[in-house]
Each structure stands twice: as structure tokens, then as C-alpha cells.
């Protein structure tokens, strides 16, 4: 297993940050068939070979992803895509 952990500060309200996270999750669902659900301000997601959570608060978003063995080789590509999604949805 390989982990990806990314934290980013944002300048949004909690409601705006959660809406951005929801938008990001909808895009990931459409592009990668990633299922997700919310538990409070934590979104949990999964698909075969990938599981994780995205926590949103008033100041930052924190993403934790666990990649299965078969996706380990794609970790750099996946990290680039995550940063791109963060840049679009949580600009600094």
C-alpha cells in the first residue's frame, strides 16, 4: 500500500469549502468512477484499489489516500492530478 497525504489552507467559509469538495468529488466520480459519502465534514471515498478521506474545516482541507499495490506505480501521476484538482477547487 502507498499513501498520499495533502493538506492545503483555503480562504473560504466552511460552506464554500465543502461545496468545492463536493464539486471536486463529483468530477472524480465522473472521471474515475469514485464513490463517496459524507460523514459530517469528512468525505470518504473508494473504488477498487483506492480508498481515502477528505476532511474540510474553516481553514484547510486534508486529503488522505491509500493506493493499492496495483496503483503504486501511478502514484506520481495521481498526485499531479490531485494537485490540479486542488488548484482548481481550492486556489491558494
PDB file of N, CA and C in Angstrom:
ATOM      1  N   UNK A   1       0.842  -1.184   0.000  1.00  0.00           N
ATOM      2  CA  UNK A   1       0.000   0.000   0.000  1.00  0.00           C
ATOM      3  C   UNK A   1       0.886   1.246   0.000  1.00  0.00           C
ATOM      4  N   UNK A   2       0.397   2.289  -0.633  1.00  0.00           N
ATOM      5  CA  UNK A   2       1.094   3.555  -0.692  1.00  0.00           C
ATOM      6  C   UNK A   2       0.112   4.655  -0.310  1.00  0.00           C
ATOM      7  N   UNK A   3       0.577   5.589   0.478  1.00  0.00           N
ATOM      8  CA  UNK A   3      -0.295   6.661   0.939  1.00  0.00           C
ATOM      9  C   UNK A   3       0.071   7.986   0.292  1.00  0.00           C
ATOM     10  N   UNK A   4      -0.948   8.801   0.092  1.00  0.00           N
ATOM     11  CA  UNK A   4      -0.785  10.178  -0.361  1.00  0.00           C
ATOM     12  C   UNK A   4      -1.494  11.042   0.671  1.00  0.00           C
ATOM     13  N   UNK A   5      -0.783  12.014   1.219  1.00  0.00           N
ATOM     14  CA  UNK A   5      -1.372  12.925   2.201  1.00  0.00           C
ATOM     15  C   UNK A   5      -1.081  14.355   1.768  1.00  0.00           C
ATOM     16  N   UNK A   6      -2.146  15.129   1.605  1.00  0.00           N
ATOM     17  CA  UNK A   6      -2.011  16.513   1.167  1.00  0.00           C
ATOM     18  C   UNK A   6      -2.891  17.387   2.055  1.00  0.00           C
ATOM     19  N   UNK A   7      -2.332  18.473   2.551  1.00  0.00           N
ATOM     20  CA  UNK A   7      -3.084  19.460   3.321  1.00  0.00           C
ATOM     21  C   UNK A   7      -2.929  20.796   2.611  1.00  0.00           C
ATOM     22  N   UNK A   8      -4.028  21.543   2.572  1.00  0.00           N
ATOM     23  CA  UNK A   8      -3.958  22.852   1.934  1.00  0.00           C
ATOM     24  C   UNK A   8      -4.876  23.816   2.673  1.00  0.00           C
ATOM     25  N   UNK A   9      -4.335  24.976   2.980  1.00  0.00           N
ATOM     26  CA  UNK A   9      -5.142  26.045   3.570  1.00  0.00           C
ATOM     27  C   UNK A   9      -6.024  26.634   2.474  1.00  0.00           C
ATOM     28  N   UNK A  10      -7.171  27.133   2.870  1.00  0.00           N
ATOM     29  CA  UNK A  10      -8.066  27.780   1.912  1.00  0.00           C
ATOM     30  C   UNK A  10      -8.629  29.045   2.559  1.00  0.00           C
ATOM     31  N   UNK A  11      -9.098  29.940   1.757  1.00  0.00           N
ATOM     32  CA  UNK A  11      -9.653  31.197   2.251  1.00  0.00           C
ATOM     33  C   UNK A  11     -11.166  31.245   2.107  1.00  0.00           C
ATOM     34  N   UNK A  12     -11.805  30.098   2.203  1.00  0.00           N
ATOM     35  CA  UNK A  12     -13.247  30.016   2.010  1.00  0.00           C
ATOM     36  C   UNK A  12     -13.946  29.795   3.343  1.00  0.00           C
ATOM     37  N   UNK A  13     -15.253  30.049   3.352  1.00  0.00           N
ATOM     38  CA  UNK A  13     -16.048  29.665   4.513  1.00  0.00           C
ATOM     39  C   UNK A  13     -16.161  28.137   4.509  1.00  0.00           C
ATOM     40  N   UNK A  14     -16.582  27.567   5.611  1.00  0.00           N
ATOM     41  CA  UNK A  14     -16.746  26.119   5.675  1.00  0.00           C
ATOM     42  C   UNK A  14     -17.761  25.650   4.632  1.00  0.00           C
ATOM     43  N   UNK A  15     -18.837  26.394   4.461  1.00  0.00           N
ATOM     44  CA  UNK A  15     -19.859  26.035   3.469  1.00  0.00           C
ATOM     45  C   UNK A  15     -19.284  26.070   2.059  1.00  0.00           C
ATOM     46  N   UNK A  16     -18.515  27.110   1.742  1.00  0.00           N
ATOM     47  CA  UNK A  16     -17.895  27.213   0.419  1.00  0.00           C
ATOM     48  C   UNK A  16     -16.865  26.108   0.204  1.00  0.00           C
ATOM     49  N   UNK A  17     -16.068  25.819   1.235  1.00  0.00           N
ATOM     50  CA  UNK A  17     -15.052  24.772   1.119  1.00  0.00           C
ATOM     51  C   UNK A  17     -15.705  23.413   0.918  1.00  0.00           C
ATOM     52  N   UNK A  18     -16.782  23.176   1.633  1.00  0.00           N
ATOM     53  CA  UNK A  18     -17.484  21.899   1.478  1.00  0.00           C
ATOM     54  C   UNK A  18     -18.099  21.800   0.073  1.00  0.00           C
ATOM     55  N   UNK A  19     -18.649  22.891  -0.436  1.00  0.00           N
ATOM     56  CA  UNK A  19     -19.200  22.903  -1.796  1.00  0.00           C
ATOM     57  C   UNK A  19     -18.099  22.629  -2.820  1.00  0.00           C
ATOM     58  N   UNK A  20     -16.910  23.201  -2.622  1.00  0.00           N
ATOM     59  CA  UNK A  20     -15.782  22.937  -3.523  1.00  0.00           C
ATOM     60  C   UNK A  20     -15.372  21.471  -3.458  1.00  0.00           C
ATOM     61  N   UNK A  21     -15.361  20.905  -2.257  1.00  0.00           N
ATOM     62  CA  UNK A  21     -15.022  19.483  -2.098  1.00  0.00           C
ATOM     63  C   UNK A  21     -16.061  18.614  -2.797  1.00  0.00           C
ATOM     64  N   UNK A  22     -17.319  18.988  -2.682  1.00  0.00           N
ATOM     65  CA  UNK A  22     -18.395  18.241  -3.343  1.00  0.00           C
ATOM     66  C   UNK A  22     -18.227  18.306  -4.862  1.00  0.00           C
ATOM     67  N   UNK A  23     -17.904  19.484  -5.379  1.00  0.00           N
ATOM     68  CA  UNK A  23     -17.674  19.654  -6.816  1.00  0.00           C
ATOM     69  C   UNK A  23     -16.502  18.785  -7.272  1.00  0.00           C
ATOM     70  N   UNK A  24     -15.420  18.816  -6.501  1.00  0.00           N
ATOM     71  CA  UNK A  24     -14.249  18.024  -6.823  1.00  0.00           C
ATOM     72  C   UNK A  24     -14.599  16.533  -6.818  1.00  0.00           C
ATOM     73  N   UNK A  25     -15.358  16.096  -5.821  1.00  0.00           N
ATOM     74  CA  UNK A  25     -15.737  14.683  -5.730  1.00  0.00           C
ATOM     75  C   UNK A  25     -16.623  14.271  -6.899  1.00  0.00           C
ATOM     76  N   UNK A  26     -17.535  15.149  -7.311  1.00  0.00           N
ATOM     77  CA  UNK A  26     -18.394  14.841  -8.454  1.00  0.00           C
ATOM     78  C   UNK A  26     -17.565  14.667  -9.720  1.00  0.00           C
ATOM     79  N   UNK A  27     -16.556  15.517  -9.908  1.00  0.00           N
ATOM     80  CA  UNK A  27     -15.668  15.387 -11.071  1.00  0.00           C
ATOM     81  C   UNK A  27     -14.901  14.063 -11.018  1.00  0.00           C
ATOM     82  N   UNK A  28     -14.391  13.719  -9.834  1.00  0.00           N
ATOM     83  CA  UNK A  28     -13.640  12.470  -9.687  1.00  0.00           C
ATOM     84  C   UNK A  28     -14.547  11.264  -9.891  1.00  0.00           C
ATOM     85  N   UNK A  29     -15.786  11.371  -9.422  1.00  0.00           N
ATOM     86  CA  UNK A  29     -16.734  10.290  -9.624  1.00  0.00           C
ATOM     87  C   UNK A  29     -16.972  10.083 -11.117  1.00  0.00           C
ATOM     88  N   UNK A  30     -17.176  11.178 -11.827  1.00  0.00           N
ATOM     89  CA  UNK A  30     -17.434  11.088 -13.263  1.00  0.00           C
ATOM     90  C   UNK A  30     -16.226  10.554 -14.024  1.00  0.00           C
ATOM     91  N   UNK A  31     -15.047  11.044 -13.665  1.00  0.00           N
ATOM     92  CA  UNK A  31     -13.839  10.674 -14.403  1.00  0.00           C
ATOM     93  C   UNK A  31     -13.296   9.300 -14.024  1.00  0.00           C
ATOM     94  N   UNK A  32     -13.371   8.947 -12.729  1.00  0.00           N
ATOM     95  CA  UNK A  32     -12.718   7.716 -12.256  1.00  0.00           C
ATOM     96  C   UNK A  32     -13.675   6.730 -11.588  1.00  0.00           C
ATOM     97  N   UNK A  33     -14.995   6.980 -11.651  1.00  0.00           N
ATOM     98  CA  UNK A  33     -15.982   6.099 -11.029  1.00  0.00           C
ATOM     99  C   UNK A  33     -15.695   5.916  -9.541  1.00  0.00           C
ATOM    100  N   UNK A  34     -15.438   7.012  -8.872  1.00  0.00           N
ATOM    101  CA  UNK A  34     -15.107   7.024  -7.451  1.00  0.00           C
ATOM    102  C   UNK A  34     -16.383   7.265  -6.663  1.00  0.00           C
ATOM    103  N   UNK A  35     -16.783   6.331  -5.816  1.00  0.00           N
ATOM    104  CA  UNK A  35     -17.978   6.541  -4.998  1.00  0.00           C
ATOM    105  C   UNK A  35     -17.566   7.247  -3.706  1.00  0.00           C
ATOM    106  N   UNK A  36     -18.463   8.080  -3.180  1.00  0.00           N
ATOM    107  CA  UNK A  36     -18.136   8.837  -1.976  1.00  0.00           C
ATOM    108  C   UNK A  36     -19.390   9.105  -1.146  1.00  0.00           C
ATOM    109  N   UNK A  37     -19.168   9.393   0.133  1.00  0.00           N
ATOM    110  CA  UNK A  37     -20.258   9.775   1.024  1.00  0.00           C
ATOM    111  C   UNK A  37     -19.687  10.680   2.109  1.00  0.00           C
ATOM    112  N   UNK A  38     -20.542  11.503   2.678  1.00  0.00           N
ATOM    113  CA  UNK A  38     -20.144  12.444   3.719  1.00  0.00           C
ATOM    114  C   UNK A  38     -20.526  11.914   5.092  1.00  0.00           C
ATOM    115  N   UNK A  39     -19.658  12.163   6.052  1.00  0.00           N
ATOM    116  CA  UNK A  39     -19.927  11.918   7.472  1.00  0.00           C
ATOM    117  C   UNK A  39     -19.490  13.190   8.178  1.00  0.00           C
ATOM    118  N   UNK A  40     -20.441  14.085   8.435  1.00  0.00           N
ATOM    119  CA  UNK A  40     -20.094  15.402   8.965  1.00  0.00           C
ATOM    120  C   UNK A  40     -19.332  16.179   7.906  1.00  0.00           C
ATOM    121  N   UNK A  41     -18.150  16.647   8.256  1.00  0.00           N
ATOM    122  CA  UNK A  41     -17.317  17.399   7.313  1.00  0.00           C
ATOM    123  C   UNK A  41     -16.185  16.552   6.739  1.00  0.00           C
ATOM    124  N   UNK A  42     -16.376  15.248   6.764  1.00  0.00           N
ATOM    125  CA  UNK A  42     -15.383  14.324   6.203  1.00  0.00           C
ATOM    126  C   UNK A  42     -16.050  13.517   5.093  1.00  0.00           C
ATOM    127  N   UNK A  43     -15.459  13.594   3.918  1.00  0.00           N
ATOM    128  CA  UNK A  43     -15.935  12.823   2.784  1.00  0.00           C
ATOM    129  C   UNK A  43     -15.057  11.573   2.662  1.00  0.00           C
ATOM    130  N   UNK A  44     -15.689  10.423   2.651  1.00  0.00           N
ATOM    131  CA  UNK A  44     -14.969   9.168   2.465  1.00  0.00           C
ATOM    132  C   UNK A  44     -15.255   8.680   1.042  1.00  0.00           C
ATOM    133  N   UNK A  45     -14.216   8.172   0.389  1.00  0.00           N
ATOM    134  CA  UNK A  45     -14.374   7.729  -0.994  1.00  0.00           C
ATOM    135  C   UNK A  45     -13.627   6.430  -1.215  1.00  0.00           C
ATOM    136  N   UNK A  46     -14.051   5.727  -2.273  1.00  0.00           N
ATOM    137  CA  UNK A  46     -13.376   4.470  -2.602  1.00  0.00           C
ATOM    138  C   UNK A  46     -13.732   4.034  -4.008  1.00  0.00           C
ATOM    139  N   UNK A  47     -12.905   3.188  -4.498  1.00  0.00           N
ATOM    140  CA  UNK A  47     -13.087   2.440  -5.733  1.00  0.00           C
ATOM    141  C   UNK A  47     -12.063   1.320  -5.654  1.00  0.00           C
ATOM    142  N   UNK A  48     -12.134   0.319  -6.495  1.00  0.00           N
ATOM    143  CA  UNK A  48     -11.142  -0.751  -6.392  1.00  0.00           C
ATOM    144  C   UNK A  48      -9.712  -0.197  -6.464  1.00  0.00           C
ATOM    145  N   UNK A  49      -8.914  -0.514  -5.456  1.00  0.00           N
ATOM    146  CA  UNK A  49      -7.513  -0.098  -5.411  1.00  0.00           C
ATOM    147  C   UNK A  49      -7.257   1.262  -4.791  1.00  0.00           C
ATOM    148  N   UNK A  50      -8.323   1.995  -4.425  1.00  0.00           N
ATOM    149  CA  UNK A  50      -8.167   3.332  -3.851  1.00  0.00           C
ATOM    150  C   UNK A  50      -9.210   3.536  -2.762  1.00  0.00           C
ATOM    151  N   UNK A  51      -8.770   4.081  -1.637  1.00  0.00           N
ATOM    152  CA  UNK A  51      -9.692   4.468  -0.568  1.00  0.00           C
ATOM    153  C   UNK A  51      -9.094   5.670   0.138  1.00  0.00           C
ATOM    154  N   UNK A  52      -9.950   6.500   0.702  1.00  0.00           N
ATOM    155  CA  UNK A  52      -9.417   7.645   1.431  1.00  0.00           C
ATOM    156  C   UNK A  52     -10.501   8.536   1.975  1.00  0.00           C
ATOM    157  N   UNK A  53     -10.060   9.685   2.478  1.00  0.00           N
ATOM    158  CA  UNK A  53     -10.994  10.663   3.011  1.00  0.00           C
ATOM    159  C   UNK A  53     -10.458  12.070   2.777  1.00  0.00           C
ATOM    160  N   UNK A  54     -11.396  12.995   2.743  1.00  0.00           N
ATOM    161  CA  UNK A  54     -11.091  14.411   2.583  1.00  0.00           C
ATOM    162  C   UNK A  54     -11.814  15.143   3.699  1.00  0.00           C
ATOM    163  N   UNK A  55     -11.063  15.720   4.625  1.00  0.00           N
ATOM    164  CA  UNK A  55     -11.640  16.464   5.739  1.00  0.00           C
ATOM    165  C   UNK A  55     -11.583  17.951   5.429  1.00  0.00           C
ATOM    166  N   UNK A  56     -12.685  18.639   5.693  1.00  0.00           N
ATOM    167  CA  UNK A  56     -12.804  20.064   5.420  1.00  0.00           C
ATOM    168  C   UNK A  56     -13.098  20.779   6.726  1.00  0.00           C
ATOM    169  N   UNK A  57     -12.376  21.862   6.995  1.00  0.00           N
ATOM    170  CA  UNK A  57     -12.738  22.715   8.122  1.00  0.00           C
ATOM    171  C   UNK A  57     -12.663  24.176   7.692  1.00  0.00           C
ATOM    172  N   UNK A  58     -12.762  25.078   8.636  1.00  0.00           N
ATOM    173  CA  UNK A  58     -12.813  26.505   8.313  1.00  0.00           C
ATOM    174  C   UNK A  58     -11.516  27.041   7.709  1.00  0.00           C
ATOM    175  N   UNK A  59     -10.417  26.312   7.870  1.00  0.00           N
ATOM    176  CA  UNK A  59      -9.107  26.822   7.460  1.00  0.00           C
ATOM    177  C   UNK A  59      -8.389  26.006   6.400  1.00  0.00           C
ATOM    178  N   UNK A  60      -8.634  24.679   6.373  1.00  0.00           N
ATOM    179  CA  UNK A  60      -7.894  23.846   5.443  1.00  0.00           C
ATOM    180  C   UNK A  60      -8.676  22.612   5.024  1.00  0.00           C
ATOM    181  N   UNK A  61      -8.159  21.984   3.986  1.00  0.00           N
ATOM    182  CA  UNK A  61      -8.643  20.674   3.552  1.00  0.00           C
ATOM    183  C   UNK A  61      -7.485  19.698   3.726  1.00  0.00           C
ATOM    184  N   UNK A  62      -7.809  18.501   4.141  1.00  0.00           N
ATOM    185  CA  UNK A  62      -6.785  17.478   4.347  1.00  0.00           C
ATOM    186  C   UNK A  62      -7.227  16.209   3.619  1.00  0.00           C
ATOM    187  N   UNK A  63      -6.400  15.746   2.722  1.00  0.00           N
ATOM    188  CA  UNK A  63      -6.701  14.577   1.907  1.00  0.00           C
ATOM    189  C   UNK A  63      -5.753  13.444   2.273  1.00  0.00           C
ATOM    190  N   UNK A  64      -6.313  12.274   2.510  1.00  0.00           N
ATOM    191  CA  UNK A  64      -5.535  11.064   2.779  1.00  0.00           C
ATOM    192  C   UNK A  64      -6.036   9.979   1.837  1.00  0.00           C
ATOM    193  N   UNK A  65      -5.120   9.415   1.067  1.00  0.00           N
ATOM    194  CA  UNK A  65      -5.476   8.374   0.096  1.00  0.00           C
ATOM    195  C   UNK A  65      -4.574   7.168   0.314  1.00  0.00           C
ATOM    196  N   UNK A  66      -5.179   5.994   0.250  1.00  0.00           N
ATOM    197  CA  UNK A  66      -4.429   4.742   0.293  1.00  0.00           C
ATOM    198  C   UNK A  66      -4.566   4.068  -1.063  1.00  0.00           C
ATOM    199  N   UNK A  67      -3.442   3.893  -1.722  1.00  0.00           N
ATOM    200  CA  UNK A  67      -3.419   3.235  -3.033  1.00  0.00           C
ATOM    201  C   UNK A  67      -3.078   1.766  -2.858  1.00  0.00           C
ATOM    202  N   UNK A  68      -3.776   0.928  -3.567  1.00  0.00           N
ATOM    203  CA  UNK A  68      -3.458  -0.489  -3.564  1.00  0.00           C
ATOM    204  C   UNK A  68      -2.185  -0.766  -4.345  1.00  0.00           C
ATOM    205  N   UNK A  69      -1.725  -1.960  -4.235  1.00  0.00           N
ATOM    206  CA  UNK A  69      -0.469  -2.369  -4.861  1.00  0.00           C
ATOM    207  C   UNK A  69      -0.446  -2.095  -6.362  1.00  0.00           C
ATOM    208  N   UNK A  70      -1.544  -2.371  -7.038  1.00  0.00           N
ATOM    209  CA  UNK A  70      -1.568  -2.223  -8.495  1.00  0.00           C
ATOM    210  C   UNK A  70      -1.490  -0.766  -8.950  1.00  0.00           C
ATOM    211  N   UNK A  71      -1.855   0.170  -8.082  1.00  0.00           N
ATOM    212  CA  UNK A  71      -1.803   1.587  -8.447  1.00  0.00           C
ATOM    213  C   UNK A  71      -0.543   2.292  -7.946  1.00  0.00           C
ATOM    214  N   UNK A  72       0.310   1.580  -7.225  1.00  0.00           N
ATOM    215  CA  UNK A  72       1.521   2.177  -6.682  1.00  0.00           C
ATOM    216  C   UNK A  72       2.365   2.847  -7.766  1.00  0.00           C
ATOM    217  N   UNK A  73       2.493   2.212  -8.910  1.00  0.00           N
ATOM    218  CA  UNK A  73       3.315   2.767  -9.997  1.00  0.00           C
ATOM    219  C   UNK A  73       2.732   4.072 -10.542  1.00  0.00           C
ATOM    220  N   UNK A  74       1.446   4.292 -10.344  1.00  0.00           N
ATOM    221  CA  UNK A  74       0.792   5.506 -10.834  1.00  0.00           C
ATOM    222  C   UNK A  74       0.757   6.626  -9.797  1.00  0.00           C
ATOM    223  N   UNK A  75       1.380   6.415  -8.649  1.00  0.00           N
ATOM    224  CA  UNK A  75       1.326   7.409  -7.578  1.00  0.00           C
ATOM    225  C   UNK A  75       1.728   8.814  -8.038  1.00  0.00           C
ATOM    226  N   UNK A  76       2.843   9.016  -8.752  1.00  0.00           N
ATOM    227  CA  UNK A  76       3.197  10.374  -9.184  1.00  0.00           C
ATOM    228  C   UNK A  76       2.135  11.016 -10.081  1.00  0.00           C
ATOM    229  N   UNK A  77       1.550  10.243 -10.971  1.00  0.00           N
ATOM    230  CA  UNK A  77       0.506  10.757 -11.854  1.00  0.00           C
ATOM    231  C   UNK A  77      -0.736  11.115 -11.052  1.00  0.00           C
ATOM    232  N   UNK A  78      -1.101  10.272 -10.126  1.00  0.00           N
ATOM    233  CA  UNK A  78      -2.270  10.523  -9.285  1.00  0.00           C
ATOM    234  C   UNK A  78      -2.049  11.779  -8.445  1.00  0.00           C
ATOM    235  N   UNK A  79      -0.857  11.924  -7.865  1.00  0.00           N
ATOM    236  CA  UNK A  79      -0.557  13.126  -7.071  1.00  0.00           C
ATOM    237  C   UNK A  79      -0.648  14.392  -7.923  1.00  0.00           C
ATOM    238  N   UNK A  80      -0.151  14.341  -9.145  1.00  0.00           N
ATOM    239  CA  UNK A  80      -0.257  15.507 -10.042  1.00  0.00           C
ATOM    240  C   UNK A  80      -1.711  15.875 -10.291  1.00  0.00           C
ATOM    241  N   UNK A  81      -2.536  14.882 -10.546  1.00  0.00           N
ATOM    242  CA  UNK A  81      -3.960  15.124 -10.783  1.00  0.00           C
ATOM    243  C   UNK A  81      -4.637  15.701  -9.542  1.00  0.00           C
ATOM    244  N   UNK A  82      -4.274  15.198  -8.377  1.00  0.00           N
ATOM    245  CA  UNK A  82      -4.854  15.715  -7.136  1.00  0.00           C
ATOM    246  C   UNK A  82      -4.475  17.177  -6.961  1.00  0.00           C
ATOM    247  N   UNK A  83      -3.222  17.509  -7.178  1.00  0.00           N
ATOM    248  CA  UNK A  83      -2.805  18.907  -7.055  1.00  0.00           C
ATOM    249  C   UNK A  83      -3.534  19.789  -8.069  1.00  0.00           C
ATOM    250  N   UNK A  84      -3.768  19.266  -9.263  1.00  0.00           N
ATOM    251  CA  UNK A  84      -4.519  20.020 -10.263  1.00  0.00           C
ATOM    252  C   UNK A  84      -5.951  20.270  -9.785  1.00  0.00           C
ATOM    253  N   UNK A  85      -6.601  19.234  -9.245  1.00  0.00           N
ATOM    254  CA  UNK A  85      -7.945  19.402  -8.718  1.00  0.00           C
ATOM    255  C   UNK A  85      -7.964  20.393  -7.564  1.00  0.00           C
ATOM    256  N   UNK A  86      -6.960  20.315  -6.694  1.00  0.00           N
ATOM    257  CA  UNK A  86      -6.883  21.266  -5.571  1.00  0.00           C
ATOM    258  C   UNK A  86      -6.671  22.686  -6.090  1.00  0.00           C
ATOM    259  N   UNK A  87      -5.812  22.836  -7.097  1.00  0.00           N
ATOM    260  CA  UNK A  87      -5.576  24.170  -7.662  1.00  0.00           C
ATOM    261  C   UNK A  87      -6.859  24.760  -8.227  1.00  0.00           C
ATOM    262  N   UNK A  88      -7.674  23.920  -8.854  1.00  0.00           N
ATOM    263  CA  UNK A  88      -8.932  24.392  -9.429  1.00  0.00           C
ATOM    264  C   UNK A  88      -9.991  24.682  -8.370  1.00  0.00           C
ATOM    265  N   UNK A  89     -10.065  23.845  -7.338  1.00  0.00           N
ATOM    266  CA  UNK A  89     -11.154  23.930  -6.363  1.00  0.00           C
ATOM    267  C   UNK A  89     -10.792  24.633  -5.061  1.00  0.00           C
ATOM    268  N   UNK A  90      -9.513  24.678  -4.733  1.00  0.00           N
ATOM    269  CA  UNK A  90      -9.043  25.340  -3.516  1.00  0.00           C
ATOM    270  C   UNK A  90      -7.819  26.184  -3.817  1.00  0.00           C
ATOM    271  N   UNK A  91      -7.976  27.202  -4.667  1.00  0.00           N
ATOM    272  CA  UNK A  91      -6.804  28.018  -5.013  1.00  0.00           C
ATOM    273  C   UNK A  91      -6.240  28.720  -3.783  1.00  0.00           C
ATOM    274  N   UNK A  92      -4.938  28.859  -3.768  1.00  0.00           N
ATOM    275  CA  UNK A  92      -4.263  29.490  -2.625  1.00  0.00           C
ATOM    276  C   UNK A  92      -4.409  30.986  -2.709  1.00  0.00           C
TER     277      UNK A  92
END
